C-alpha atoms as a PDB file:
ATOM      1  CA  UNK A   1     -27.780 -14.896  -4.931  1.00  0.00           C
ATOM      2  CA  UNK A   2     -26.886 -11.661  -3.045  1.00  0.00           C
ATOM      3  CA  UNK A   3     -26.620  -8.450  -4.659  1.00  0.00           C
ATOM      4  CA  UNK A   4     -22.807  -7.095  -3.603  1.00  0.00           C
ATOM      5  CA  UNK A   5     -22.095  -3.242  -4.125  1.00  0.00           C
ATOM      6  CA  UNK A   6     -18.388  -2.635  -3.921  1.00  0.00           C
ATOM      7  CA  UNK A   7     -17.927   1.085  -2.908  1.00  0.00           C
ATOM      8  CA  UNK A   8     -14.612   2.224  -3.598  1.00  0.00           C
ATOM      9  CA  UNK A   9     -12.892   1.732  -7.181  1.00  0.00           C
ATOM     10  CA  UNK A  10      -9.343   1.368  -5.707  1.00  0.00           C
ATOM     11  CA  UNK A  11      -6.748  -1.264  -5.285  1.00  0.00           C
ATOM     12  CA  UNK A  12      -8.572  -2.696  -2.294  1.00  0.00           C
ATOM     13  CA  UNK A  13     -12.469  -2.498  -3.954  1.00  0.00           C
ATOM     14  CA  UNK A  14     -10.904  -3.455  -7.830  1.00  0.00           C
ATOM     15  CA  UNK A  15      -9.392  -6.722  -6.011  1.00  0.00           C
ATOM     16  CA  UNK A  16     -12.876  -7.180  -4.003  1.00  0.00           C
ATOM     17  CA  UNK A  17     -15.139  -7.060  -7.091  1.00  0.00           C
ATOM     18  CA  UNK A  18     -12.610  -9.363  -9.400  1.00  0.00           C
ATOM     19  CA  UNK A  19     -12.440 -11.900  -6.670  1.00  0.00           C
ATOM     20  CA  UNK A  20     -15.526 -11.945  -5.851  1.00  0.00           C
ATOM     21  CA  UNK A  21     -16.455 -12.578  -9.825  1.00  0.00           C
ATOM     22  CA  UNK A  22     -13.605 -15.332  -9.750  1.00  0.00           C
ATOM     23  CA  UNK A  23     -15.597 -17.089  -7.053  1.00  0.00           C
ATOM     24  CA  UNK A  24     -18.628 -17.239  -8.650  1.00  0.00           C
ATOM     25  CA  UNK A  25     -20.551 -14.469  -7.601  1.00  0.00           C
ATOM     26  CA  UNK A  26     -22.828 -13.155 -10.451  1.00  0.00           C
ATOM     27  CA  UNK A  27     -24.653 -10.058  -8.980  1.00  0.00           C
ATOM     28  CA  UNK A  28     -21.415  -7.503  -8.490  1.00  0.00           C
ATOM     29  CA  UNK A  29     -21.596  -3.833  -8.561  1.00  0.00           C
ATOM     30  CA  UNK A  30     -18.067  -1.940  -7.851  1.00  0.00           C
ATOM     31  CA  UNK A  31     -18.999   1.980  -7.658  1.00  0.00           C
ATOM     32  CA  UNK A  32     -16.861   4.859  -7.166  1.00  0.00           C
ATOM     33  CA  UNK A  33     -18.005   8.888  -6.424  1.00  0.00           C
ATOM     34  CA  UNK A  34     -15.366   9.741  -8.849  1.00  0.00           C
ATOM     35  CA  UNK A  35     -13.403   7.514 -11.075  1.00  0.00           C
ATOM     36  CA  UNK A  36     -11.244   4.305 -11.086  1.00  0.00           C
ATOM     37  CA  UNK A  37      -8.183   4.836  -8.875  1.00  0.00           C
ATOM     38  CA  UNK A  38      -8.916   8.281  -8.722  1.00  0.00           C
ATOM     39  CA  UNK A  39      -8.414   8.332  -4.735  1.00  0.00           C
ATOM     40  CA  UNK A  40      -5.160   7.238  -2.659  1.00  0.00           C
ATOM     41  CA  UNK A  41      -4.281   4.723  -5.277  1.00  0.00           C
ATOM     42  CA  UNK A  42      -3.491   6.581  -7.741  1.00  0.00           C
ATOM     43  CA  UNK A  43      -1.588   8.932  -5.806  1.00  0.00           C
ATOM     44  CA  UNK A  44       0.663   5.855  -4.212  1.00  0.00           C
ATOM     45  CA  UNK A  45       4.102   5.200  -3.907  1.00  0.00           C
ATOM     46  CA  UNK A  46       3.723   2.021  -5.929  1.00  0.00           C
ATOM     47  CA  UNK A  47       5.961   0.079  -3.237  1.00  0.00           C
ATOM     48  CA  UNK A  48       5.474  -3.617  -2.755  1.00  0.00           C
ATOM     49  CA  UNK A  49       6.771  -5.145   0.123  1.00  0.00           C
ATOM     50  CA  UNK A  50       6.634  -8.026   2.246  1.00  0.00           C
ATOM     51  CA  UNK A  51       9.078  -6.469   5.176  1.00  0.00           C
ATOM     52  CA  UNK A  52       6.717  -5.472   8.089  1.00  0.00           C
ATOM     53  CA  UNK A  53       7.206  -5.436  11.708  1.00  0.00           C
ATOM     54  CA  UNK A  54       4.598  -7.700  12.722  1.00  0.00           C
ATOM     55  CA  UNK A  55       3.148 -11.138  11.508  1.00  0.00           C
ATOM     56  CA  UNK A  56       0.053 -10.576  10.838  1.00  0.00           C
ATOM     57  CA  UNK A  57       0.848  -7.359   8.399  1.00  0.00           C
ATOM     58  CA  UNK A  58       3.740  -9.430   6.741  1.00  0.00           C
ATOM     59  CA  UNK A  59       1.183 -12.464   6.051  1.00  0.00           C
ATOM     60  CA  UNK A  60      -0.616 -10.331   4.129  1.00  0.00           C
ATOM     61  CA  UNK A  61       1.732  -9.298   2.269  1.00  0.00           C
ATOM     62  CA  UNK A  62       3.203 -13.124   1.640  1.00  0.00           C
ATOM     63  CA  UNK A  63       0.023 -13.795   0.069  1.00  0.00           C
ATOM     64  CA  UNK A  64      -0.346 -10.867  -2.227  1.00  0.00           C
ATOM     65  CA  UNK A  65       3.009 -11.184  -4.001  1.00  0.00           C
ATOM     66  CA  UNK A  66       2.551 -14.346  -6.125  1.00  0.00           C
ATOM     67  CA  UNK A  67      -0.336 -12.205  -7.408  1.00  0.00           C
ATOM     68  CA  UNK A  68       2.302  -9.807  -8.425  1.00  0.00           C
ATOM     69  CA  UNK A  69       4.723 -11.571  -9.671  1.00  0.00           C
ATOM     70  CA  UNK A  70       2.177 -13.590 -12.045  1.00  0.00           C
ATOM     71  CA  UNK A  71       1.492  -9.861 -13.130  1.00  0.00           C
ATOM     72  CA  UNK A  72       4.937  -8.896 -14.003  1.00  0.00           C
ATOM     73  CA  UNK A  73       5.848  -6.058 -16.110  1.00  0.00           C
ATOM     74  CA  UNK A  74       4.943  -3.559 -17.100  1.00  0.00           C
ATOM     75  CA  UNK A  75       2.975  -3.478 -14.357  1.00  0.00           C
ATOM     76  CA  UNK A  76       5.401  -5.073 -11.680  1.00  0.00           C
ATOM     77  CA  UNK A  77       9.211  -4.785 -11.322  1.00  0.00           C
ATOM     78  CA  UNK A  78      10.810  -7.605  -8.624  1.00  0.00           C
ATOM     79  CA  UNK A  79      13.410  -4.663  -8.405  1.00  0.00           C
ATOM     80  CA  UNK A  80      13.790  -5.815  -5.030  1.00  0.00           C
ATOM     81  CA  UNK A  81      13.428  -3.571  -1.001  1.00  0.00           C
ATOM     82  CA  UNK A  82      16.647  -2.743   0.552  1.00  0.00           C
ATOM     83  CA  UNK A  83      16.596  -1.017   3.852  1.00  0.00           C
ATOM     84  CA  UNK A  84      19.614   0.881   5.355  1.00  0.00           C
ATOM     85  CA  UNK A  85      20.549   1.573   8.435  1.00  0.00           C
ATOM     86  CA  UNK A  86      23.219   4.012   9.593  1.00  0.00           C
ATOM     87  CA  UNK A  87      23.314   3.732  13.777  1.00  0.00           C
ATOM     88  CA  UNK A  88      23.607   0.601  15.671  1.00  0.00           C
ATOM     89  CA  UNK A  89      20.196   0.448  17.053  1.00  0.00           C
ATOM     90  CA  UNK A  90      18.591   0.953  13.945  1.00  0.00           C
ATOM     91  CA  UNK A  91      20.996  -2.096  12.329  1.00  0.00           C
ATOM     92  CA  UNK A  92      19.567  -4.084  15.260  1.00  0.00           C
ATOM     93  CA  UNK A  93      16.434  -3.364  14.545  1.00  0.00           C
ATOM     94  CA  UNK A  94      16.356  -4.587  11.052  1.00  0.00           C
ATOM     95  CA  UNK A  95      18.883  -7.877  11.937  1.00  0.00           C
ATOM     96  CA  UNK A  96      15.305  -8.036  14.524  1.00  0.00           C
ATOM     97  CA  UNK A  97      12.501  -7.292  11.711  1.00  0.00           C
ATOM     98  CA  UNK A  98      14.754  -9.819   9.646  1.00  0.00           C
ATOM     99  CA  UNK A  99      13.993 -12.627  11.962  1.00  0.00           C
ATOM    100  CA  UNK A 100      10.602 -12.336  12.233  1.00  0.00           C
ATOM    101  CA  UNK A 101      10.252 -12.226   8.463  1.00  0.00           C
ATOM    102  CA  UNK A 102      12.313 -15.228   7.675  1.00  0.00           C
ATOM    103  CA  UNK A 103      10.950 -17.468  10.150  1.00  0.00           C
ATOM    104  CA  UNK A 104       7.488 -16.630   8.063  1.00  0.00           C
ATOM    105  CA  UNK A 105       8.995 -17.326   4.842  1.00  0.00           C
ATOM    106  CA  UNK A 106      10.552 -14.089   3.650  1.00  0.00           C
ATOM    107  CA  UNK A 107      13.522 -14.191   1.590  1.00  0.00           C
ATOM    108  CA  UNK A 108      15.405 -10.792   3.505  1.00  0.00           C
ATOM    109  CA  UNK A 109      19.115 -11.139   3.771  1.00  0.00           C
ATOM    110  CA  UNK A 110      21.856  -8.799   4.505  1.00  0.00           C
ATOM    111  CA  UNK A 111      23.810  -7.569   2.118  1.00  0.00           C
ATOM    112  CA  UNK A 112      26.349  -4.961   1.165  1.00  0.00           C
ATOM    113  CA  UNK A 113      24.408  -1.967   0.375  1.00  0.00           C
ATOM    114  CA  UNK A 114      27.652  -0.564  -2.001  1.00  0.00           C
ATOM    115  CA  UNK A 115      26.226  -3.385  -4.565  1.00  0.00           C
ATOM    116  CA  UNK A 116      23.520  -0.428  -5.987  1.00  0.00           C
ATOM    117  CA  UNK A 117      25.378   1.594  -8.318  1.00  0.00           C
ATOM    118  CA  UNK A 118      25.652   5.627  -7.880  1.00  0.00           C
ATOM    119  CA  UNK A 119      24.310   5.129  -3.776  1.00  0.00           C
ATOM    120  CA  UNK A 120      26.220   6.446  -1.483  1.00  0.00           C
ATOM    121  CA  UNK A 121      27.224   4.036   1.468  1.00  0.00           C
ATOM    122  CA  UNK A 122      29.883   5.830   3.387  1.00  0.00           C
ATOM    123  CA  UNK A 123      27.387   6.161   6.630  1.00  0.00           C
ATOM    124  CA  UNK A 124      25.901   2.686   6.549  1.00  0.00           C
ATOM    125  CA  UNK A 125      26.503   0.562   8.935  1.00  0.00           C
ATOM    126  CA  UNK A 126      24.485  -2.541   7.342  1.00  0.00           C
ATOM    127  CA  UNK A 127      21.688  -3.725   5.141  1.00  0.00           C
ATOM    128  CA  UNK A 128      18.729  -5.591   4.341  1.00  0.00           C
ATOM    129  CA  UNK A 129      17.086  -6.550   1.255  1.00  0.00           C
ATOM    130  CA  UNK A 130      14.473  -8.915  -0.087  1.00  0.00           C
ATOM    131  CA  UNK A 131      14.893  -9.140  -3.721  1.00  0.00           C
ATOM    132  CA  UNK A 132      11.540 -10.658  -4.268  1.00  0.00           C
ATOM    133  CA  UNK A 133       9.704  -6.958  -3.183  1.00  0.00           C
ATOM    134  CA  UNK A 134       9.491  -4.184  -5.964  1.00  0.00           C
ATOM    135  CA  UNK A 135       7.588  -1.547  -7.315  1.00  0.00           C
ATOM    136  CA  UNK A 136       4.606  -1.385  -9.215  1.00  0.00           C
ATOM    137  CA  UNK A 137       1.931   1.302 -10.824  1.00  0.00           C
ATOM    138  CA  UNK A 138      -1.320   1.328  -8.301  1.00  0.00           C
ATOM    139  CA  UNK A 139      -3.307   2.968 -11.210  1.00  0.00           C
ATOM    140  CA  UNK A 140      -2.398   1.096 -14.216  1.00  0.00           C
ATOM    141  CA  UNK A 141      -2.860  -2.501 -11.830  1.00  0.00           C
ATOM    142  CA  UNK A 142      -6.338  -1.166 -10.657  1.00  0.00           C
ATOM    143  CA  UNK A 143      -7.543  -0.755 -14.237  1.00  0.00           C
ATOM    144  CA  UNK A 144      -6.372  -3.776 -14.898  1.00  0.00           C
ATOM    145  CA  UNK A 145      -8.281  -5.219 -12.357  1.00  0.00           C
ATOM    146  CA  UNK A 146     -11.240  -3.385 -12.959  1.00  0.00           C
ATOM    147  CA  UNK A 147     -10.924  -4.293 -16.563  1.00  0.00           C
ATOM    148  CA  UNK A 148     -11.006  -7.996 -16.079  1.00  0.00           C
ATOM    149  CA  UNK A 149     -13.704  -7.630 -13.623  1.00  0.00           C
ATOM    150  CA  UNK A 150     -15.905  -6.285 -16.231  1.00  0.00           C
ATOM    151  CA  UNK A 151     -15.138  -9.565 -18.482  1.00  0.00           C
ATOM    152  CA  UNK A 152     -16.366 -11.628 -15.878  1.00  0.00           C
ATOM    153  CA  UNK A 153     -19.316  -9.669 -15.318  1.00  0.00           C
ATOM    154  CA  UNK A 154     -18.889  -6.806 -12.484  1.00  0.00           C
ATOM    155  CA  UNK A 155     -20.936  -3.909 -13.457  1.00  0.00           C
ATOM    156  CA  UNK A 156     -18.755  -0.937 -13.061  1.00  0.00           C
ATOM    157  CA  UNK A 157     -20.309   2.490 -12.316  1.00  0.00           C
ATOM    158  CA  UNK A 158     -18.173   5.561 -11.465  1.00  0.00           C
ATOM    159  CA  UNK A 159     -19.389   9.108 -10.610  1.00  0.00           C
ATOM    160  CA  UNK A 160     -22.465   7.229  -8.758  1.00  0.00           C
ATOM    161  CA  UNK A 161     -23.750   7.473  -5.119  1.00  0.00           C
ATOM    162  CA  UNK A 162     -23.817   3.927  -3.826  1.00  0.00           C
ATOM    163  CA  UNK A 163     -26.648   5.077  -1.525  1.00  0.00           C
ATOM    164  CA  UNK A 164     -28.926   5.189  -4.925  1.00  0.00           C
ATOM    165  CA  UNK A 165     -27.935   1.539  -5.484  1.00  0.00           C
ATOM    166  CA  UNK A 166     -29.878  -1.389  -4.391  1.00  0.00           C
ATOM    167  CA  UNK A 167     -28.079  -3.536  -2.699  1.00  0.00           C
ATOM    168  CA  UNK A 168     -28.040  -6.778  -0.198  1.00  0.00           C
ATOM    169  CA  UNK A 169     -24.381  -6.445   0.826  1.00  0.00           C
ATOM    170  CA  UNK A 170     -22.427  -3.346   0.917  1.00  0.00           C
ATOM    171  CA  UNK A 171     -18.857  -3.671   1.645  1.00  0.00           C
ATOM    172  CA  UNK A 172     -16.990  -0.392   2.042  1.00  0.00           C
ATOM    173  CA  UNK A 173     -13.710   0.132   0.370  1.00  0.00           C
ATOM    174  CA  UNK A 174     -13.765   3.738   0.333  1.00  0.00           C
ATOM    175  CA  UNK A 175     -10.202   4.481   2.329  1.00  0.00           C
ATOM    176  CA  UNK A 176     -10.252   7.739   4.441  1.00  0.00           C
ATOM    177  CA  UNK A 177     -13.808   8.350   3.310  1.00  0.00           C
ATOM    178  CA  UNK A 178     -15.048   5.311   4.317  1.00  0.00           C
ATOM    179  CA  UNK A 179     -16.758   6.831   7.556  1.00  0.00           C
ATOM    180  CA  UNK A 180     -19.085   8.770   5.534  1.00  0.00           C
ATOM    181  CA  UNK A 181     -20.718   5.716   4.234  1.00  0.00           C
ATOM    182  CA  UNK A 182     -20.024   4.102   7.811  1.00  0.00           C
ATOM    183  CA  UNK A 183     -19.598   6.419  10.823  1.00  0.00           C
ATOM    184  CA  UNK A 184     -18.711   4.386  13.376  1.00  0.00           C
ATOM    185  CA  UNK A 185     -15.251   3.250  11.818  1.00  0.00           C
ATOM    186  CA  UNK A 186     -12.415   4.438  13.444  1.00  0.00           C
ATOM    187  CA  UNK A 187     -10.527   5.764  10.581  1.00  0.00           C
ATOM    188  CA  UNK A 188      -9.016   9.270  10.281  1.00  0.00           C
ATOM    189  CA  UNK A 189      -7.265  10.902   7.050  1.00  0.00           C
ATOM    190  CA  UNK A 190      -3.568  11.535   7.515  1.00  0.00           C
ATOM    191  CA  UNK A 191      -2.124  13.379   4.492  1.00  0.00           C
ATOM    192  CA  UNK A 192       1.095  12.748   2.944  1.00  0.00           C
ATOM    193  CA  UNK A 193       3.443  13.470   0.323  1.00  0.00           C
ATOM    194  CA  UNK A 194       5.033  12.150  -2.963  1.00  0.00           C
ATOM    195  CA  UNK A 195       7.933  14.127  -5.080  1.00  0.00           C
ATOM    196  CA  UNK A 196       9.057  13.251  -8.680  1.00  0.00           C
ATOM    197  CA  UNK A 197      12.614  14.614  -9.644  1.00  0.00           C
ATOM    198  CA  UNK A 198      14.597  13.903 -12.503  1.00  0.00           C
ATOM    199  CA  UNK A 199      15.290  13.351 -15.296  1.00  0.00           C
ATOM    200  CA  UNK A 200      18.227  11.691 -13.782  1.00  0.00           C
ATOM    201  CA  UNK A 201      20.794  10.339 -16.219  1.00  0.00           C
ATOM    202  CA  UNK A 202      21.794   6.874 -16.014  1.00  0.00           C
ATOM    203  CA  UNK A 203      19.775   5.402 -13.180  1.00  0.00           C
ATOM    204  CA  UNK A 204      20.170   1.602 -13.134  1.00  0.00           C
ATOM    205  CA  UNK A 205      17.492  -0.422 -14.433  1.00  0.00           C
ATOM    206  CA  UNK A 206      17.314  -2.886 -11.435  1.00  0.00           C
ATOM    207  CA  UNK A 207      17.451   0.170  -8.726  1.00  0.00           C
ATOM    208  CA  UNK A 208      15.292  -1.255  -5.792  1.00  0.00           C
ATOM    209  CA  UNK A 209      13.346   0.853  -3.434  1.00  0.00           C
ATOM    210  CA  UNK A 210      15.838   2.229  -0.963  1.00  0.00           C
ATOM    211  CA  UNK A 211      14.895   3.073   2.374  1.00  0.00           C
ATOM    212  CA  UNK A 212      16.605   4.979   5.562  1.00  0.00           C
ATOM    213  CA  UNK A 213      15.605   2.818   8.179  1.00  0.00           C
ATOM    214  CA  UNK A 214      16.379   5.772  10.598  1.00  0.00           C
ATOM    215  CA  UNK A 215      14.743   8.749   9.239  1.00  0.00           C
ATOM    216  CA  UNK A 216      11.736   6.691   6.523  1.00  0.00           C
ATOM    217  CA  UNK A 217      13.384   8.704   3.729  1.00  0.00           C
ATOM    218  CA  UNK A 218      12.881   6.515   0.850  1.00  0.00           C
ATOM    219  CA  UNK A 219      13.042   6.381  -3.112  1.00  0.00           C
ATOM    220  CA  UNK A 220      12.482   4.820  -6.370  1.00  0.00           C
ATOM    221  CA  UNK A 221      13.005   4.880  -9.907  1.00  0.00           C
ATOM    222  CA  UNK A 222      10.312   5.337 -12.339  1.00  0.00           C
ATOM    223  CA  UNK A 223      11.586   5.762 -15.692  1.00  0.00           C
ATOM    224  CA  UNK A 224      14.387   8.483 -15.864  1.00  0.00           C
ATOM    225  CA  UNK A 225      12.920   9.927 -12.688  1.00  0.00           C
ATOM    226  CA  UNK A 226      13.319   9.344  -8.814  1.00  0.00           C
ATOM    227  CA  UNK A 227      10.277   9.119  -6.821  1.00  0.00           C
ATOM    228  CA  UNK A 228      10.859  10.716  -3.112  1.00  0.00           C
ATOM    229  CA  UNK A 229       8.439  10.193   0.224  1.00  0.00           C
ATOM    230  CA  UNK A 230       9.425  10.082   3.668  1.00  0.00           C
ATOM    231  CA  UNK A 231       7.529   9.469   7.205  1.00  0.00           C
ATOM    232  CA  UNK A 232       6.497  13.427   7.958  1.00  0.00           C
ATOM    233  CA  UNK A 233       8.117  14.226  11.560  1.00  0.00           C
ATOM    234  CA  UNK A 234       4.727  15.980  12.508  1.00  0.00           C
ATOM    235  CA  UNK A 235       1.570  13.891  11.245  1.00  0.00           C
ATOM    236  CA  UNK A 236      -0.770  15.974   9.333  1.00  0.00           C
ATOM    237  CA  UNK A 237      -4.212  14.576  10.253  1.00  0.00           C
ATOM    238  CA  UNK A 238      -6.439  16.328   7.793  1.00  0.00           C
ATOM    239  CA  UNK A 239      -8.456  15.564   4.461  1.00  0.00           C
ATOM    240  CA  UNK A 240      -6.970  18.545   2.849  1.00  0.00           C
ATOM    241  CA  UNK A 241      -4.632  17.255   0.093  1.00  0.00           C
ATOM    242  CA  UNK A 242      -1.758  19.878   0.270  1.00  0.00           C
ATOM    243  CA  UNK A 243       2.648  19.808  -0.329  1.00  0.00           C
ATOM    244  CA  UNK A 244       4.344  21.095   2.005  1.00  0.00           C
ATOM    245  CA  UNK A 245       7.244  22.725   0.032  1.00  0.00           C
ATOM    246  CA  UNK A 246       9.686  22.699   3.004  1.00  0.00           C
ATOM    247  CA  UNK A 247       9.441  18.866   3.319  1.00  0.00           C
ATOM    248  CA  UNK A 248      10.268  18.985  -0.687  1.00  0.00           C
ATOM    249  CA  UNK A 249      13.924  20.629  -0.045  1.00  0.00           C
ATOM    250  CA  UNK A 250      14.364  18.726   2.878  1.00  0.00           C
ATOM    251  CA  UNK A 251      14.077  15.719   0.443  1.00  0.00           C
ATOM    252  CA  UNK A 252      15.975  16.825  -2.208  1.00  0.00           C
ATOM    253  CA  UNK A 253      18.898  17.459   0.170  1.00  0.00           C
ATOM    254  CA  UNK A 254      18.507  13.785   1.798  1.00  0.00           C
ATOM    255  CA  UNK A 255      18.571  12.392  -2.179  1.00  0.00           C
ATOM    256  CA  UNK A 256      21.762  14.099  -2.408  1.00  0.00           C
ATOM    257  CA  UNK A 257      23.460  13.126  -0.230  1.00  0.00           C
ATOM    258  CA  UNK A 258      21.884   9.145  -0.385  1.00  0.00           C
ATOM    259  CA  UNK A 259      21.985   9.336  -4.426  1.00  0.00           C
ATOM    260  CA  UNK A 260      24.831  11.879  -5.330  1.00  0.00           C
ATOM    261  CA  UNK A 261      24.000  11.418  -9.005  1.00  0.00           C
ATOM    262  CA  UNK A 262      20.779  13.181  -8.289  1.00  0.00           C
ATOM    263  CA  UNK A 263      21.734  16.381  -6.308  1.00  0.00           C
ATOM    264  CA  UNK A 264      20.783  18.674  -9.488  1.00  0.00           C
ATOM    265  CA  UNK A 265      17.547  16.638 -10.392  1.00  0.00           C
ATOM    266  CA  UNK A 266      14.784  19.445 -10.743  1.00  0.00           C
ATOM    267  CA  UNK A 267      11.515  18.836  -9.389  1.00  0.00           C
ATOM    268  CA  UNK A 268       9.160  17.393 -11.573  1.00  0.00           C
ATOM    269  CA  UNK A 269       5.903  17.324 -10.110  1.00  0.00           C
ATOM    270  CA  UNK A 270       4.644  17.117  -6.405  1.00  0.00           C
ATOM    271  CA  UNK A 271       1.445  16.123  -5.030  1.00  0.00           C
ATOM    272  CA  UNK A 272      -0.375  14.996  -1.657  1.00  0.00           C
ATOM    273  CA  UNK A 273      -2.920  12.290  -0.954  1.00  0.00           C
ATOM    274  CA  UNK A 274      -4.278  10.791   2.108  1.00  0.00           C
ATOM    275  CA  UNK A 275      -3.773   7.347   4.173  1.00  0.00           C
ATOM    276  CA  UNK A 276      -6.781   6.173   6.016  1.00  0.00           C
ATOM    277  CA  UNK A 277      -5.516   5.534   9.492  1.00  0.00           C
ATOM    278  CA  UNK A 278      -6.717   3.303  12.085  1.00  0.00           C
ATOM    279  CA  UNK A 279      -5.575   3.626  16.007  1.00  0.00           C
ATOM    280  CA  UNK A 280      -2.794   0.465  15.354  1.00  0.00           C
ATOM    281  CA  UNK A 281      -2.191   1.338  11.476  1.00  0.00           C
ATOM    282  CA  UNK A 282      -4.040  -2.206  10.855  1.00  0.00           C
ATOM    283  CA  UNK A 283      -6.585  -2.152   8.264  1.00  0.00           C
ATOM    284  CA  UNK A 284     -10.095  -3.434   9.561  1.00  0.00           C
ATOM    285  CA  UNK A 285     -11.389  -6.208   7.741  1.00  0.00           C
ATOM    286  CA  UNK A 286     -14.852  -7.686   8.589  1.00  0.00           C
ATOM    287  CA  UNK A 287     -18.462  -7.374   9.501  1.00  0.00           C
ATOM    288  CA  UNK A 288     -19.466  -4.047  10.656  1.00  0.00           C
ATOM    289  CA  UNK A 289     -23.238  -4.737  10.602  1.00  0.00           C
ATOM    290  CA  UNK A 290     -25.820  -6.540   9.243  1.00  0.00           C
ATOM    291  CA  UNK A 291     -25.217  -6.833   5.390  1.00  0.00           C
ATOM    292  CA  UNK A 292     -22.336  -4.004   5.874  1.00  0.00           C
ATOM    293  CA  UNK A 293     -18.746  -5.400   5.678  1.00  0.00           C
ATOM    294  CA  UNK A 294     -15.486  -2.703   5.751  1.00  0.00           C
ATOM    295  CA  UNK A 295     -12.316  -3.419   4.368  1.00  0.00           C
ATOM    296  CA  UNK A 296     -10.871   0.087   4.860  1.00  0.00           C
ATOM    297  CA  UNK A 297      -8.558   1.477   6.980  1.00  0.00           C
ATOM    298  CA  UNK A 298      -5.186   0.162   5.216  1.00  0.00           C
ATOM    299  CA  UNK A 299      -3.172   3.053   6.400  1.00  0.00           C
ATOM    300  CA  UNK A 300      -0.838   3.082   3.601  1.00  0.00           C
ATOM    301  CA  UNK A 301      -0.424  -0.199   3.022  1.00  0.00           C
ATOM    302  CA  UNK A 302      -3.699  -1.170   0.513  1.00  0.00           C
ATOM    303  CA  UNK A 303      -2.501  -1.208  -2.911  1.00  0.00           C
ATOM    304  CA  UNK A 304       0.505  -3.845  -1.947  1.00  0.00           C
ATOM    305  CA  UNK A 305      -2.193  -5.999   0.795  1.00  0.00           C
ATOM    306  CA  UNK A 306      -4.551  -6.017  -2.103  1.00  0.00           C
ATOM    307  CA  UNK A 307      -4.672  -9.062  -3.787  1.00  0.00           C
ATOM    308  CA  UNK A 308      -4.334 -11.319  -0.612  1.00  0.00           C
ATOM    309  CA  UNK A 309      -7.464  -8.997   0.704  1.00  0.00           C
ATOM    310  CA  UNK A 310      -9.792  -9.637  -2.422  1.00  0.00           C
ATOM    311  CA  UNK A 311      -8.968 -12.997  -2.073  1.00  0.00           C
ATOM    312  CA  UNK A 312     -10.199 -13.309   1.270  1.00  0.00           C
ATOM    313  CA  UNK A 313     -12.977 -10.699   1.056  1.00  0.00           C
ATOM    314  CA  UNK A 314     -14.455 -12.805  -1.550  1.00  0.00           C
ATOM    315  CA  UNK A 315     -14.671 -16.156   0.145  1.00  0.00           C
ATOM    316  CA  UNK A 316     -15.578 -14.494   3.659  1.00  0.00           C
ATOM    317  CA  UNK A 317     -18.484 -13.310   1.779  1.00  0.00           C
ATOM    318  CA  UNK A 318     -19.825 -16.049  -0.575  1.00  0.00           C
ATOM    319  CA  UNK A 319     -18.368 -19.000   1.735  1.00  0.00           C
ATOM    320  CA  UNK A 320     -18.921 -17.516   5.345  1.00  0.00           C
ATOM    321  CA  UNK A 321     -14.961 -17.909   5.940  1.00  0.00           C
ATOM    322  CA  UNK A 322     -11.737 -17.631   4.332  1.00  0.00           C
ATOM    323  CA  UNK A 323      -8.715 -19.573   4.244  1.00  0.00           C
ATOM    324  CA  UNK A 324      -6.614 -16.785   5.340  1.00  0.00           C
ATOM    325  CA  UNK A 325      -7.093 -15.937   8.998  1.00  0.00           C
ATOM    326  CA  UNK A 326      -8.890 -12.277   9.516  1.00  0.00           C
ATOM    327  CA  UNK A 327      -9.169 -12.338  13.160  1.00  0.00           C
ATOM    328  CA  UNK A 328      -6.696  -9.584  13.686  1.00  0.00           C
ATOM    329  CA  UNK A 329      -8.717  -7.289  11.552  1.00  0.00           C
ATOM    330  CA  UNK A 330     -12.052  -7.149  13.122  1.00  0.00           C
ATOM    331  CA  UNK A 331     -13.180  -4.075  14.350  1.00  0.00           C
ATOM    332  CA  UNK A 332     -14.026  -5.428  17.867  1.00  0.00           C
ATOM    333  CA  UNK A 333     -10.296  -5.269  18.848  1.00  0.00           C
ATOM    334  CA  UNK A 334     -10.733  -1.566  19.342  1.00  0.00           C
ATOM    335  CA  UNK A 335     -13.562  -2.226  22.410  1.00  0.00           C
ATOM    336  CA  UNK A 336     -11.670  -5.006  23.733  1.00  0.00           C
ATOM    337  CA  UNK A 337      -8.505  -2.646  23.814  1.00  0.00           C
ATOM    338  CA  UNK A 338      -6.484  -5.031  21.635  1.00  0.00           C
ATOM    339  CA  UNK A 339      -3.826  -3.045  19.819  1.00  0.00           C
ATOM    340  CA  UNK A 340      -0.628  -4.186  17.633  1.00  0.00           C
ATOM    341  CA  UNK A 341       0.510  -1.459  16.245  1.00  0.00           C
ATOM    342  CA  UNK A 342       2.992  -2.082  12.718  1.00  0.00           C
ATOM    343  CA  UNK A 343       5.881  -0.004  13.451  1.00  0.00           C
ATOM    344  CA  UNK A 344       6.993   0.169   9.596  1.00  0.00           C
ATOM    345  CA  UNK A 345       4.367   2.864   8.136  1.00  0.00           C
ATOM    346  CA  UNK A 346       6.233   4.410   5.500  1.00  0.00           C
END
């Protein structure tokens, strides 16, 4: 059996290594040039949703949700995702996406947003929610998968240069740094940041992930803190992980409006990480050269899609084909000019 080296011990790499072991691979190495979950995975928001704008992404998320449900607390809290619309156009877009999602089996429903305690809904025209969705701890989930992988015989190597490892197959799952392992990958880094504020008194334990459809501003509960994020008005195409204090101030003002009890919550910490962006915001999954396989370019969605990706990649590597249709994610689509942009990149 071939010796498979998986480069990158984030959510995607850990899931691939785990599923390879589950499928009977006996010679698997999971390697990272730093530590487990030390890259984008360890800096992620932790959302797990099925509410995407394209069929391909919805299907990946649908395949993943069951795994998170099996993990359960404390790794995953199924508190739901709530999308708010404050304009007629925003509401029409929400309803259109919800129709697509329901057609693919996602239980999205129109809801009265005022049911969420503490939420200011005076300017909300409508809302949709999927209560199957929720929030998770990306680093903790990844470490759990690495632990299970090691128990199944996977060799875990931290602080390791994969170029120094003997291999028959290289699986590139190194996020924004994947092009360093295979320069032909059309991936570039996008700096994004998050902010924790609090403590906030009397946060509802079942507070969902709350998202403003028009602005992309969203927040979630994490203990007695609130974690904030937002699509930035000017994309920062850089590999420098820097915090923009102006954005922090703007987000705090938005939170004060949407969740008034947190108006005076102090900043606990702010940090930045990197999205591994492709031209169409969809991942690259498949062979890119003889004995080189890519699973990267997840454009901010890798953690929530990692269970389905890990299983599909393991099947293709070991059996020649996957039970999940990976055709939309092949690198050849860029040569053909085919794009189907995912619009809901949060």
